[in-house]
Amino acid sequence: RLPKIAFEAVRRALDADKPVLIQVPRKG
């Protein structure tokens, strides 16, 4: 459910061997 720019940011971080944090309002 994400725009392309969000996936690109995730890819860049993972390619640099860095962790990615995703904050969602609720568990479940």
PDB file of all heavy atoms in Angstrom:
ATOM      1  N   ARG A   1       0.833  -1.204   0.000  1.00  0.00           N
ATOM      2  CA  ARG A   1       0.000   0.000   0.000  1.00  0.00           C
ATOM      3  C   ARG A   1       0.868   1.255   0.000  1.00  0.00           C
ATOM      4  O   ARG A   1       0.468   2.286   0.529  1.00  0.00           O
ATOM      5  CB  ARG A   1      -0.911   0.003   1.232  1.00  0.00           C
ATOM      6  CG  ARG A   1      -0.144   0.064   2.568  1.00  0.00           C
ATOM      7  CD  ARG A   1      -1.104  -0.160   3.732  1.00  0.00           C
ATOM      8  NE  ARG A   1      -0.512   0.099   5.027  1.00  0.00           N
ATOM      9  CZ  ARG A   1       0.269  -0.733   5.685  1.00  0.00           C
ATOM     10  NH1 ARG A   1       0.586  -1.895   5.137  1.00  0.00           N
ATOM     11  NH2 ARG A   1       0.740  -0.421   6.867  1.00  0.00           N
ATOM     12  N   LEU A   2       2.072   1.187  -0.564  1.00  0.00           N
ATOM     13  CA  LEU A   2       3.042   2.256  -0.440  1.00  0.00           C
ATOM     14  C   LEU A   2       3.359   2.900  -1.773  1.00  0.00           C
ATOM     15  O   LEU A   2       3.342   2.243  -2.810  1.00  0.00           O
ATOM     16  CB  LEU A   2       4.346   1.724   0.171  1.00  0.00           C
ATOM     17  CG  LEU A   2       4.231   1.161   1.578  1.00  0.00           C
ATOM     18  CD1 LEU A   2       5.535   0.510   1.968  1.00  0.00           C
ATOM     19  CD2 LEU A   2       3.854   2.245   2.554  1.00  0.00           C
ATOM     20  N   PRO A   3       3.686   4.177  -1.767  1.00  0.00           N
ATOM     21  CA  PRO A   3       4.161   4.823  -2.984  1.00  0.00           C
ATOM     22  C   PRO A   3       5.561   4.333  -3.341  1.00  0.00           C
ATOM     23  O   PRO A   3       6.300   3.829  -2.504  1.00  0.00           O
ATOM     24  CB  PRO A   3       4.159   6.311  -2.611  1.00  0.00           C
ATOM     25  CG  PRO A   3       4.243   6.337  -1.130  1.00  0.00           C
ATOM     26  CD  PRO A   3       3.551   5.112  -0.639  1.00  0.00           C
ATOM     27  N   LYS A   4       5.911   4.522  -4.571  1.00  0.00           N
ATOM     28  CA  LYS A   4       7.191   4.028  -5.076  1.00  0.00           C
ATOM     29  C   LYS A   4       8.370   4.627  -4.321  1.00  0.00           C
ATOM     30  O   LYS A   4       9.377   3.954  -4.079  1.00  0.00           O
ATOM     31  CB  LYS A   4       7.292   4.354  -6.563  1.00  0.00           C
ATOM     32  CG  LYS A   4       8.545   3.838  -7.237  1.00  0.00           C
ATOM     33  CD  LYS A   4       8.521   4.172  -8.716  1.00  0.00           C
ATOM     34  CE  LYS A   4       9.781   3.673  -9.400  1.00  0.00           C
ATOM     35  NZ  LYS A   4       9.784   4.015 -10.838  1.00  0.00           N
ATOM     36  N   ILE A   5       8.249   5.897  -3.926  1.00  0.00           N
ATOM     37  CA  ILE A   5       9.363   6.578  -3.268  1.00  0.00           C
ATOM     38  C   ILE A   5       9.736   5.902  -1.948  1.00  0.00           C
ATOM     39  O   ILE A   5      10.907   5.875  -1.550  1.00  0.00           O
ATOM     40  CB  ILE A   5       9.016   8.073  -3.031  1.00  0.00           C
ATOM     41  CG1 ILE A   5      10.247   8.836  -2.559  1.00  0.00           C
ATOM     42  CG2 ILE A   5       7.879   8.226  -2.045  1.00  0.00           C
ATOM     43  CD1 ILE A   5      10.004  10.332  -2.490  1.00  0.00           C
ATOM     44  N   ALA A   6       8.742   5.323  -1.277  1.00  0.00           N
ATOM     45  CA  ALA A   6       9.023   4.651  -0.007  1.00  0.00           C
ATOM     46  C   ALA A   6       9.853   3.394  -0.237  1.00  0.00           C
ATOM     47  O   ALA A   6      10.810   3.122   0.500  1.00  0.00           O
ATOM     48  CB  ALA A   6       7.719   4.309   0.703  1.00  0.00           C
ATOM     49  N   PHE A   7       9.510   2.623  -1.273  1.00  0.00           N
ATOM     50  CA  PHE A   7      10.277   1.417  -1.566  1.00  0.00           C
ATOM     51  C   PHE A   7      11.704   1.744  -1.999  1.00  0.00           C
ATOM     52  O   PHE A   7      12.648   1.027  -1.683  1.00  0.00           O
ATOM     53  CB  PHE A   7       9.572   0.593  -2.648  1.00  0.00           C
ATOM     54  CG  PHE A   7       8.454  -0.233  -2.101  1.00  0.00           C
ATOM     55  CD1 PHE A   7       7.146   0.183  -2.250  1.00  0.00           C
ATOM     56  CD2 PHE A   7       8.707  -1.404  -1.418  1.00  0.00           C
ATOM     57  CE1 PHE A   7       6.107  -0.568  -1.738  1.00  0.00           C
ATOM     58  CE2 PHE A   7       7.672  -2.163  -0.907  1.00  0.00           C
ATOM     59  CZ  PHE A   7       6.368  -1.744  -1.060  1.00  0.00           C
ATOM     60  N   GLU A   8      11.842   2.847  -2.724  1.00  0.00           N
ATOM     61  CA  GLU A   8      13.178   3.249  -3.137  1.00  0.00           C
ATOM     62  C   GLU A   8      14.041   3.606  -1.935  1.00  0.00           C
ATOM     63  O   GLU A   8      15.242   3.296  -1.896  1.00  0.00           O
ATOM     64  CB  GLU A   8      13.095   4.416  -4.109  1.00  0.00           C
ATOM     65  CG  GLU A   8      12.496   4.026  -5.460  1.00  0.00           C
ATOM     66  CD  GLU A   8      12.315   5.223  -6.369  1.00  0.00           C
ATOM     67  OE1 GLU A   8      12.380   6.374  -5.865  1.00  0.00           O
ATOM     68  OE2 GLU A   8      12.102   5.022  -7.581  1.00  0.00           O
ATOM     69  N   ALA A   9      13.448   4.277  -0.928  1.00  0.00           N
ATOM     70  CA  ALA A   9      14.197   4.610   0.283  1.00  0.00           C
ATOM     71  C   ALA A   9      14.607   3.349   1.024  1.00  0.00           C
ATOM     72  O   ALA A   9      15.731   3.246   1.542  1.00  0.00           O
ATOM     73  CB  ALA A   9      13.352   5.509   1.186  1.00  0.00           C
ATOM     74  N   VAL A  10      13.700   2.363   1.067  1.00  0.00           N
ATOM     75  CA  VAL A  10      14.025   1.100   1.727  1.00  0.00           C
ATOM     76  C   VAL A  10      15.154   0.394   0.987  1.00  0.00           C
ATOM     77  O   VAL A  10      16.109  -0.102   1.596  1.00  0.00           O
ATOM     78  CB  VAL A  10      12.777   0.196   1.801  1.00  0.00           C
ATOM     79  CG1 VAL A  10      13.147  -1.187   2.321  1.00  0.00           C
ATOM     80  CG2 VAL A  10      11.718   0.827   2.685  1.00  0.00           C
ATOM     81  N   ARG A  11      15.077   0.352  -0.320  1.00  0.00           N
ATOM     82  CA  ARG A  11      16.116  -0.327  -1.100  1.00  0.00           C
ATOM     83  C   ARG A  11      17.488   0.326  -0.894  1.00  0.00           C
ATOM     84  O   ARG A  11      18.501  -0.355  -0.773  1.00  0.00           O
ATOM     85  CB  ARG A  11      15.744  -0.295  -2.585  1.00  0.00           C
ATOM     86  CG  ARG A  11      14.698  -1.319  -2.977  1.00  0.00           C
ATOM     87  CD  ARG A  11      14.801  -1.600  -4.474  1.00  0.00           C
ATOM     88  NE  ARG A  11      13.744  -2.509  -4.881  1.00  0.00           N
ATOM     89  CZ  ARG A  11      12.582  -2.123  -5.399  1.00  0.00           C
ATOM     90  NH1 ARG A  11      12.338  -0.843  -5.544  1.00  0.00           N
ATOM     91  NH2 ARG A  11      11.673  -3.000  -5.756  1.00  0.00           N
ATOM     92  N   ARG A  12      17.510   1.657  -0.916  1.00  0.00           N
ATOM     93  CA  ARG A  12      18.789   2.343  -0.751  1.00  0.00           C
ATOM     94  C   ARG A  12      19.432   2.002   0.589  1.00  0.00           C
ATOM     95  O   ARG A  12      20.644   1.774   0.681  1.00  0.00           O
ATOM     96  CB  ARG A  12      18.597   3.854  -0.879  1.00  0.00           C
ATOM     97  CG  ARG A  12      18.478   4.347  -2.301  1.00  0.00           C
ATOM     98  CD  ARG A  12      18.590   5.857  -2.378  1.00  0.00           C
ATOM     99  NE  ARG A  12      17.438   6.518  -1.781  1.00  0.00           N
ATOM    100  CZ  ARG A  12      16.334   6.858  -2.444  1.00  0.00           C
ATOM    101  NH1 ARG A  12      16.248   6.573  -3.739  1.00  0.00           N
ATOM    102  NH2 ARG A  12      15.340   7.465  -1.840  1.00  0.00           N
ATOM    103  N   ALA A  13      18.612   1.982   1.642  1.00  0.00           N
ATOM    104  CA  ALA A  13      19.155   1.661   2.962  1.00  0.00           C
ATOM    105  C   ALA A  13      19.642   0.215   3.018  1.00  0.00           C
ATOM    106  O   ALA A  13      20.722  -0.062   3.555  1.00  0.00           O
ATOM    107  CB  ALA A  13      18.098   1.918   4.038  1.00  0.00           C
ATOM    108  N   LEU A  14      18.858  -0.709   2.490  1.00  0.00           N
ATOM    109  CA  LEU A  14      19.255  -2.120   2.524  1.00  0.00           C
ATOM    110  C   LEU A  14      20.495  -2.370   1.671  1.00  0.00           C
ATOM    111  O   LEU A  14      21.368  -3.155   2.043  1.00  0.00           O
ATOM    112  CB  LEU A  14      18.098  -2.998   2.055  1.00  0.00           C
ATOM    113  CG  LEU A  14      16.843  -2.992   2.944  1.00  0.00           C
ATOM    114  CD1 LEU A  14      15.745  -3.829   2.302  1.00  0.00           C
ATOM    115  CD2 LEU A  14      17.155  -3.492   4.345  1.00  0.00           C
ATOM    116  N   ASP A  15      20.585  -1.686   0.525  1.00  0.00           N
ATOM    117  CA  ASP A  15      21.773  -1.832  -0.323  1.00  0.00           C
ATOM    118  C   ASP A  15      23.023  -1.319   0.381  1.00  0.00           C
ATOM    119  O   ASP A  15      24.137  -1.800   0.110  1.00  0.00           O
ATOM    120  CB  ASP A  15      21.577  -1.085  -1.641  1.00  0.00           C
ATOM    121  CG  ASP A  15      20.551  -1.759  -2.539  1.00  0.00           C
ATOM    122  OD1 ASP A  15      20.231  -2.945  -2.286  1.00  0.00           O
ATOM    123  OD2 ASP A  15      20.048  -1.097  -3.468  1.00  0.00           O
ATOM    124  N   ALA A  16      22.845  -0.333   1.282  1.00  0.00           N
ATOM    125  CA  ALA A  16      23.974   0.199   2.053  1.00  0.00           C
ATOM    126  C   ALA A  16      24.220  -0.613   3.320  1.00  0.00           C
ATOM    127  O   ALA A  16      25.015  -0.201   4.172  1.00  0.00           O
ATOM    128  CB  ALA A  16      23.712   1.657   2.412  1.00  0.00           C
ATOM    129  N   ASP A  17      23.531  -1.755   3.434  1.00  0.00           N
ATOM    130  CA  ASP A  17      23.668  -2.639   4.600  1.00  0.00           C
ATOM    131  C   ASP A  17      23.270  -1.935   5.893  1.00  0.00           C
ATOM    132  O   ASP A  17      23.904  -2.088   6.928  1.00  0.00           O
ATOM    133  CB  ASP A  17      25.100  -3.169   4.715  1.00  0.00           C
ATOM    134  CG  ASP A  17      25.174  -4.406   5.620  1.00  0.00           C
ATOM    135  OD1 ASP A  17      24.172  -5.153   5.682  1.00  0.00           O
ATOM    136  OD2 ASP A  17      26.218  -4.605   6.269  1.00  0.00           O
ATOM    137  N   LYS A  18      22.179  -1.158   5.825  1.00  0.00           N
ATOM    138  CA  LYS A  18      21.653  -0.464   7.003  1.00  0.00           C
ATOM    139  C   LYS A  18      20.235  -0.953   7.293  1.00  0.00           C
ATOM    140  O   LYS A  18      19.472  -1.284   6.374  1.00  0.00           O
ATOM    141  CB  LYS A  18      21.624   1.048   6.776  1.00  0.00           C
ATOM    142  CG  LYS A  18      22.995   1.666   6.513  1.00  0.00           C
ATOM    143  CD  LYS A  18      23.897   1.537   7.731  1.00  0.00           C
ATOM    144  CE  LYS A  18      23.404   2.385   8.902  1.00  0.00           C
ATOM    145  NZ  LYS A  18      24.319   2.283  10.061  1.00  0.00           N
ATOM    146  N   PRO A  19      19.850  -1.005   8.564  1.00  0.00           N
ATOM    147  CA  PRO A  19      18.487  -1.429   8.901  1.00  0.00           C
ATOM    148  C   PRO A  19      17.459  -0.368   8.536  1.00  0.00           C
ATOM    149  O   PRO A  19      17.776   0.828   8.461  1.00  0.00           O
ATOM    150  CB  PRO A  19      18.557  -1.647  10.416  1.00  0.00           C
ATOM    151  CG  PRO A  19      19.669  -0.759  10.880  1.00  0.00           C
ATOM    152  CD  PRO A  19      20.660  -0.717   9.758  1.00  0.00           C
ATOM    153  N   VAL A  20      16.236  -0.814   8.334  1.00  0.00           N
ATOM    154  CA  VAL A  20      15.117   0.072   7.998  1.00  0.00           C
ATOM    155  C   VAL A  20      14.060  -0.065   9.086  1.00  0.00           C
ATOM    156  O   VAL A  20      13.712  -1.179   9.500  1.00  0.00           O
ATOM    157  CB  VAL A  20      14.514  -0.296   6.625  1.00  0.00           C
ATOM    158  CG1 VAL A  20      13.268   0.531   6.354  1.00  0.00           C
ATOM    159  CG2 VAL A  20      15.545  -0.101   5.531  1.00  0.00           C
ATOM    160  N   LEU A  21      13.543   1.068   9.533  1.00  0.00           N
ATOM    161  CA  LEU A  21      12.497   1.086  10.555  1.00  0.00           C
ATOM    162  C   LEU A  21      11.176   1.479   9.906  1.00  0.00           C
ATOM    163  O   LEU A  21      11.118   2.453   9.145  1.00  0.00           O
ATOM    164  CB  LEU A  21      12.856   2.074  11.665  1.00  0.00           C
ATOM    165  CG  LEU A  21      11.827   2.288  12.775  1.00  0.00           C
ATOM    166  CD1 LEU A  21      11.568   0.989  13.534  1.00  0.00           C
ATOM    167  CD2 LEU A  21      12.287   3.380  13.732  1.00  0.00           C
ATOM    168  N   ILE A  22      10.131   0.732  10.205  1.00  0.00           N
ATOM    169  CA  ILE A  22       8.791   1.036   9.701  1.00  0.00           C
ATOM    170  C   ILE A  22       7.865   1.183  10.898  1.00  0.00           C
ATOM    171  O   ILE A  22       7.688   0.247  11.673  1.00  0.00           O
ATOM    172  CB  ILE A  22       8.286  -0.074   8.761  1.00  0.00           C
ATOM    173  CG1 ILE A  22       9.241  -0.220   7.572  1.00  0.00           C
ATOM    174  CG2 ILE A  22       6.871   0.235   8.286  1.00  0.00           C
ATOM    175  CD1 ILE A  22       8.939  -1.401   6.694  1.00  0.00           C
ATOM    176  N   GLN A  23       7.300   2.375  11.047  1.00  0.00           N
ATOM    177  CA  GLN A  23       6.410   2.642  12.176  1.00  0.00           C
ATOM    178  C   GLN A  23       4.954   2.568  11.703  1.00  0.00           C
ATOM    179  O   GLN A  23       4.566   3.249  10.759  1.00  0.00           O
ATOM    180  CB  GLN A  23       6.675   4.026  12.772  1.00  0.00           C
ATOM    181  CG  GLN A  23       5.876   4.312  14.026  1.00  0.00           C
ATOM    182  CD  GLN A  23       5.885   5.781  14.411  1.00  0.00           C
ATOM    183  OE1 GLN A  23       5.129   6.585  13.889  1.00  0.00           O
ATOM    184  NE2 GLN A  23       6.770   6.136  15.334  1.00  0.00           N
ATOM    185  N   VAL A  24       4.176   1.713  12.368  1.00  0.00           N
ATOM    186  CA  VAL A  24       2.737   1.617  12.099  1.00  0.00           C
ATOM    187  C   VAL A  24       2.003   1.861  13.405  1.00  0.00           C
ATOM    188  O   VAL A  24       2.495   1.537  14.483  1.00  0.00           O
ATOM    189  CB  VAL A  24       2.362   0.243  11.509  1.00  0.00           C
ATOM    190  CG1 VAL A  24       2.941   0.087  10.118  1.00  0.00           C
ATOM    191  CG2 VAL A  24       2.846  -0.878  12.390  1.00  0.00           C
ATOM    192  N   PRO A  25       0.809   2.451  13.349  1.00  0.00           N
ATOM    193  CA  PRO A  25       0.156   2.877  14.584  1.00  0.00           C
ATOM    194  C   PRO A  25      -0.223   1.759  15.545  1.00  0.00           C
ATOM    195  O   PRO A  25      -0.293   1.982  16.746  1.00  0.00           O
ATOM    196  CB  PRO A  25      -1.103   3.604  14.096  1.00  0.00           C
ATOM    197  CG  PRO A  25      -0.796   4.002  12.700  1.00  0.00           C
ATOM    198  CD  PRO A  25       0.085   2.926  12.162  1.00  0.00           C
ATOM    199  N   ARG A  26      -0.486   0.550  15.032  1.00  0.00           N
ATOM    200  CA  ARG A  26      -0.999  -0.492  15.917  1.00  0.00           C
ATOM    201  C   ARG A  26      -0.379  -1.835  15.582  1.00  0.00           C
ATOM    202  O   ARG A  26       0.113  -2.061  14.480  1.00  0.00           O
ATOM    203  CB  ARG A  26      -2.529  -0.599  15.805  1.00  0.00           C
ATOM    204  CG  ARG A  26      -3.257   0.682  16.173  1.00  0.00           C
ATOM    205  CD  ARG A  26      -4.744   0.510  16.050  1.00  0.00           C
ATOM    206  NE  ARG A  26      -5.428   1.781  16.261  1.00  0.00           N
ATOM    207  CZ  ARG A  26      -6.738   1.951  16.173  1.00  0.00           C
ATOM    208  NH1 ARG A  26      -7.497   0.929  15.858  1.00  0.00           N
ATOM    209  NH2 ARG A  26      -7.293   3.118  16.382  1.00  0.00           N
ATOM    210  N   LYS A  27      -0.449  -2.717  16.570  1.00  0.00           N
ATOM    211  CA  LYS A  27       0.009  -4.082  16.347  1.00  0.00           C
ATOM    212  C   LYS A  27      -1.123  -4.888  15.708  1.00  0.00           C
ATOM    213  O   LYS A  27      -2.238  -4.391  15.546  1.00  0.00           O
ATOM    214  CB  LYS A  27       0.435  -4.733  17.667  1.00  0.00           C
ATOM    215  CG  LYS A  27      -0.676  -4.896  18.697  1.00  0.00           C
ATOM    216  CD  LYS A  27      -0.121  -5.426  19.994  1.00  0.00           C
ATOM    217  CE  LYS A  27      -1.217  -5.590  21.040  1.00  0.00           C
ATOM    218  NZ  LYS A  27      -2.173  -6.637  20.718  1.00  0.00           N
ATOM    219  N   GLY A  28      -0.836  -6.137  15.356  1.00  0.00           N
ATOM    220  CA  GLY A  28      -1.875  -7.013  14.830  1.00  0.00           C
ATOM    221  C   GLY A  28      -1.860  -7.092  13.311  1.00  0.00           C
ATOM    222  O   GLY A  28      -0.858  -6.828  12.658  1.00  0.00           O
TER     223      GLY A  28
END
